[in-house]
Amino acid sequence: MLRRRQPDPREFGDDVERFDVRRTIKRILTFSSGPHYCLGAHAARMQGRIVIEELLRQCPEFSVDAVSGQFADGPFTRRYESLPFVAG
């Protein structure tokens, strides 16, 4: 099981370390805002943008075959396991 990264007693009370599926959550803090905002979110967006810009600059005929793409199994994120492309 993945450890949650929201152990803020102001939001979850004094028993933040206890796993409780019935816990009432006031608001979700993951990739949130204010003091709980993910420090790496801006860097990740910037890196992704740079990769795409460079890829398209060097391969202007780049295309993706999303129909042939296969999604990976897993309960947490929806991501491609394979995504064929042509860099023309």
C-alpha atoms as a PDB file:
ATOM      1  CA  MET A   1       0.000   0.000   0.000  1.00  0.00           C
ATOM      2  CA  LEU A   2       1.261   3.470  -0.781  1.00  0.00           C
ATOM      3  CA  ARG A   3       1.612   5.851   2.117  1.00  0.00           C
ATOM      4  CA  ARG A   4      -0.550   8.903   1.704  1.00  0.00           C
ATOM      5  CA  ARG A   5       1.255  12.221   1.754  1.00  0.00           C
ATOM      6  CA  GLN A   6      -1.371  14.295   3.520  1.00  0.00           C
ATOM      7  CA  PRO A   7      -0.637  13.835   7.230  1.00  0.00           C
ATOM      8  CA  ASP A   8      -1.842  17.286   8.261  1.00  0.00           C
ATOM      9  CA  PRO A   9      -3.576  17.118  11.652  1.00  0.00           C
ATOM     10  CA  ARG A  10      -5.399  20.387  10.903  1.00  0.00           C
ATOM     11  CA  GLU A  11      -7.242  18.537   8.137  1.00  0.00           C
ATOM     12  CA  PHE A  12      -7.376  14.948   9.449  1.00  0.00           C
ATOM     13  CA  GLY A  13      -7.346  15.262  13.231  1.00  0.00           C
ATOM     14  CA  ASP A  14      -4.963  13.714  15.731  1.00  0.00           C
ATOM     15  CA  ASP A  15      -5.093  10.213  14.222  1.00  0.00           C
ATOM     16  CA  VAL A  16      -3.542  11.085  10.850  1.00  0.00           C
ATOM     17  CA  GLU A  17      -1.425   7.902  10.781  1.00  0.00           C
ATOM     18  CA  ARG A  18      -4.399   5.564  11.284  1.00  0.00           C
ATOM     19  CA  PHE A  19      -5.776   4.058   8.050  1.00  0.00           C
ATOM     20  CA  ASP A  20      -9.509   4.814   8.021  1.00  0.00           C
ATOM     21  CA  VAL A  21     -11.548   4.265   4.848  1.00  0.00           C
ATOM     22  CA  ARG A  22     -14.537   5.980   6.487  1.00  0.00           C
ATOM     23  CA  ARG A  23     -12.607   9.159   7.297  1.00  0.00           C
ATOM     24  CA  THR A  24     -14.435  12.334   6.309  1.00  0.00           C
ATOM     25  CA  ILE A  25     -12.108  14.479   4.211  1.00  0.00           C
ATOM     26  CA  LYS A  26     -12.822  18.202   4.155  1.00  0.00           C
ATOM     27  CA  ARG A  27     -10.724  18.814   1.065  1.00  0.00           C
ATOM     28  CA  ILE A  28      -8.137  16.976  -0.980  1.00  0.00           C
ATOM     29  CA  LEU A  29      -4.615  18.313  -0.529  1.00  0.00           C
ATOM     30  CA  THR A  30      -2.677  16.317  -3.134  1.00  0.00           C
ATOM     31  CA  PHE A  31      -1.400  18.693  -5.853  1.00  0.00           C
ATOM     32  CA  SER A  32      -3.492  21.219  -3.982  1.00  0.00           C
ATOM     33  CA  SER A  33      -2.826  24.861  -3.381  1.00  0.00           C
ATOM     34  CA  GLY A  34      -1.302  27.023  -0.704  1.00  0.00           C
ATOM     35  CA  PRO A  35       1.177  25.402   1.704  1.00  0.00           C
ATOM     36  CA  HIS A  36       0.203  21.892   0.535  1.00  0.00           C
ATOM     37  CA  TYR A  37       0.888  22.464  -3.168  1.00  0.00           C
ATOM     38  CA  CYS A  38       3.300  19.928  -4.659  1.00  0.00           C
ATOM     39  CA  LEU A  39       6.714  21.557  -5.005  1.00  0.00           C
ATOM     40  CA  GLY A  40       7.554  19.523  -8.111  1.00  0.00           C
ATOM     41  CA  ALA A  41       4.336  20.214 -10.047  1.00  0.00           C
ATOM     42  CA  HIS A  42       5.655  23.305 -11.848  1.00  0.00           C
ATOM     43  CA  ALA A  43       8.974  21.612 -12.674  1.00  0.00           C
ATOM     44  CA  ALA A  44       7.155  18.568 -14.069  1.00  0.00           C
ATOM     45  CA  ARG A  45       4.935  20.746 -16.283  1.00  0.00           C
ATOM     46  CA  MET A  46       7.927  22.719 -17.512  1.00  0.00           C
ATOM     47  CA  GLN A  47       9.924  19.568 -18.291  1.00  0.00           C
ATOM     48  CA  GLY A  48       7.000  18.066 -20.189  1.00  0.00           C
ATOM     49  CA  ARG A  49       6.519  21.248 -22.202  1.00  0.00           C
ATOM     50  CA  ILE A  50      10.222  21.410 -23.094  1.00  0.00           C
ATOM     51  CA  VAL A  51      10.275  17.761 -24.201  1.00  0.00           C
ATOM     52  CA  ILE A  52       7.239  18.243 -26.454  1.00  0.00           C
ATOM     53  CA  GLU A  53       8.545  21.518 -27.913  1.00  0.00           C
ATOM     54  CA  GLU A  54      11.948  19.961 -28.714  1.00  0.00           C
ATOM     55  CA  LEU A  55      10.395  16.826 -30.144  1.00  0.00           C
ATOM     56  CA  LEU A  56       8.138  18.833 -32.462  1.00  0.00           C
ATOM     57  CA  ARG A  57      10.973  21.181 -33.425  1.00  0.00           C
ATOM     58  CA  GLN A  58      13.240  18.309 -34.438  1.00  0.00           C
ATOM     59  CA  CYS A  59      10.497  16.058 -35.871  1.00  0.00           C
ATOM     60  CA  PRO A  60       7.763  18.333 -37.284  1.00  0.00           C
ATOM     61  CA  GLU A  61       5.994  15.339 -38.888  1.00  0.00           C
ATOM     62  CA  PHE A  62       5.742  13.535 -35.527  1.00  0.00           C
ATOM     63  CA  SER A  63       2.466  11.631 -35.107  1.00  0.00           C
ATOM     64  CA  VAL A  64       1.065   9.231 -32.503  1.00  0.00           C
ATOM     65  CA  ASP A  65      -1.005   6.127 -33.182  1.00  0.00           C
ATOM     66  CA  ALA A  66      -3.267   6.356 -30.130  1.00  0.00           C
ATOM     67  CA  VAL A  67      -5.610   3.659 -31.478  1.00  0.00           C
ATOM     68  CA  SER A  68      -2.796   1.086 -31.292  1.00  0.00           C
ATOM     69  CA  GLY A  69      -1.638   2.258 -27.870  1.00  0.00           C
ATOM     70  CA  GLN A  70      -2.087  -0.096 -24.937  1.00  0.00           C
ATOM     71  CA  PHE A  71      -2.832   1.069 -21.418  1.00  0.00           C
ATOM     72  CA  ALA A  72      -0.938  -0.402 -18.463  1.00  0.00           C
ATOM     73  CA  ASP A  73      -2.780  -2.210 -15.697  1.00  0.00           C
ATOM     74  CA  GLY A  74      -2.900  -0.541 -12.322  1.00  0.00           C
ATOM     75  CA  PRO A  75      -5.304   1.059  -9.879  1.00  0.00           C
ATOM     76  CA  PHE A  76      -3.610   4.442  -9.398  1.00  0.00           C
ATOM     77  CA  THR A  77      -2.966   6.125 -12.729  1.00  0.00           C
ATOM     78  CA  ARG A  78      -4.094   5.716 -16.309  1.00  0.00           C
ATOM     79  CA  ARG A  79      -0.950   5.539 -18.422  1.00  0.00           C
ATOM     80  CA  TYR A  80       0.191   4.015 -21.643  1.00  0.00           C
ATOM     81  CA  GLU A  81       2.302   0.883 -21.530  1.00  0.00           C
ATOM     82  CA  SER A  82       3.019   1.306 -25.219  1.00  0.00           C
ATOM     83  CA  LEU A  83       2.244   4.167 -27.575  1.00  0.00           C
ATOM     84  CA  PRO A  84       3.478   3.733 -31.158  1.00  0.00           C
ATOM     85  CA  PHE A  85       4.617   6.842 -32.992  1.00  0.00           C
ATOM     86  CA  VAL A  86       6.165   7.933 -36.267  1.00  0.00           C
ATOM     87  CA  ALA A  87       8.882  10.573 -36.105  1.00  0.00           C
ATOM     88  CA  GLY A  88       8.769  11.242 -39.897  1.00  0.00           C
END
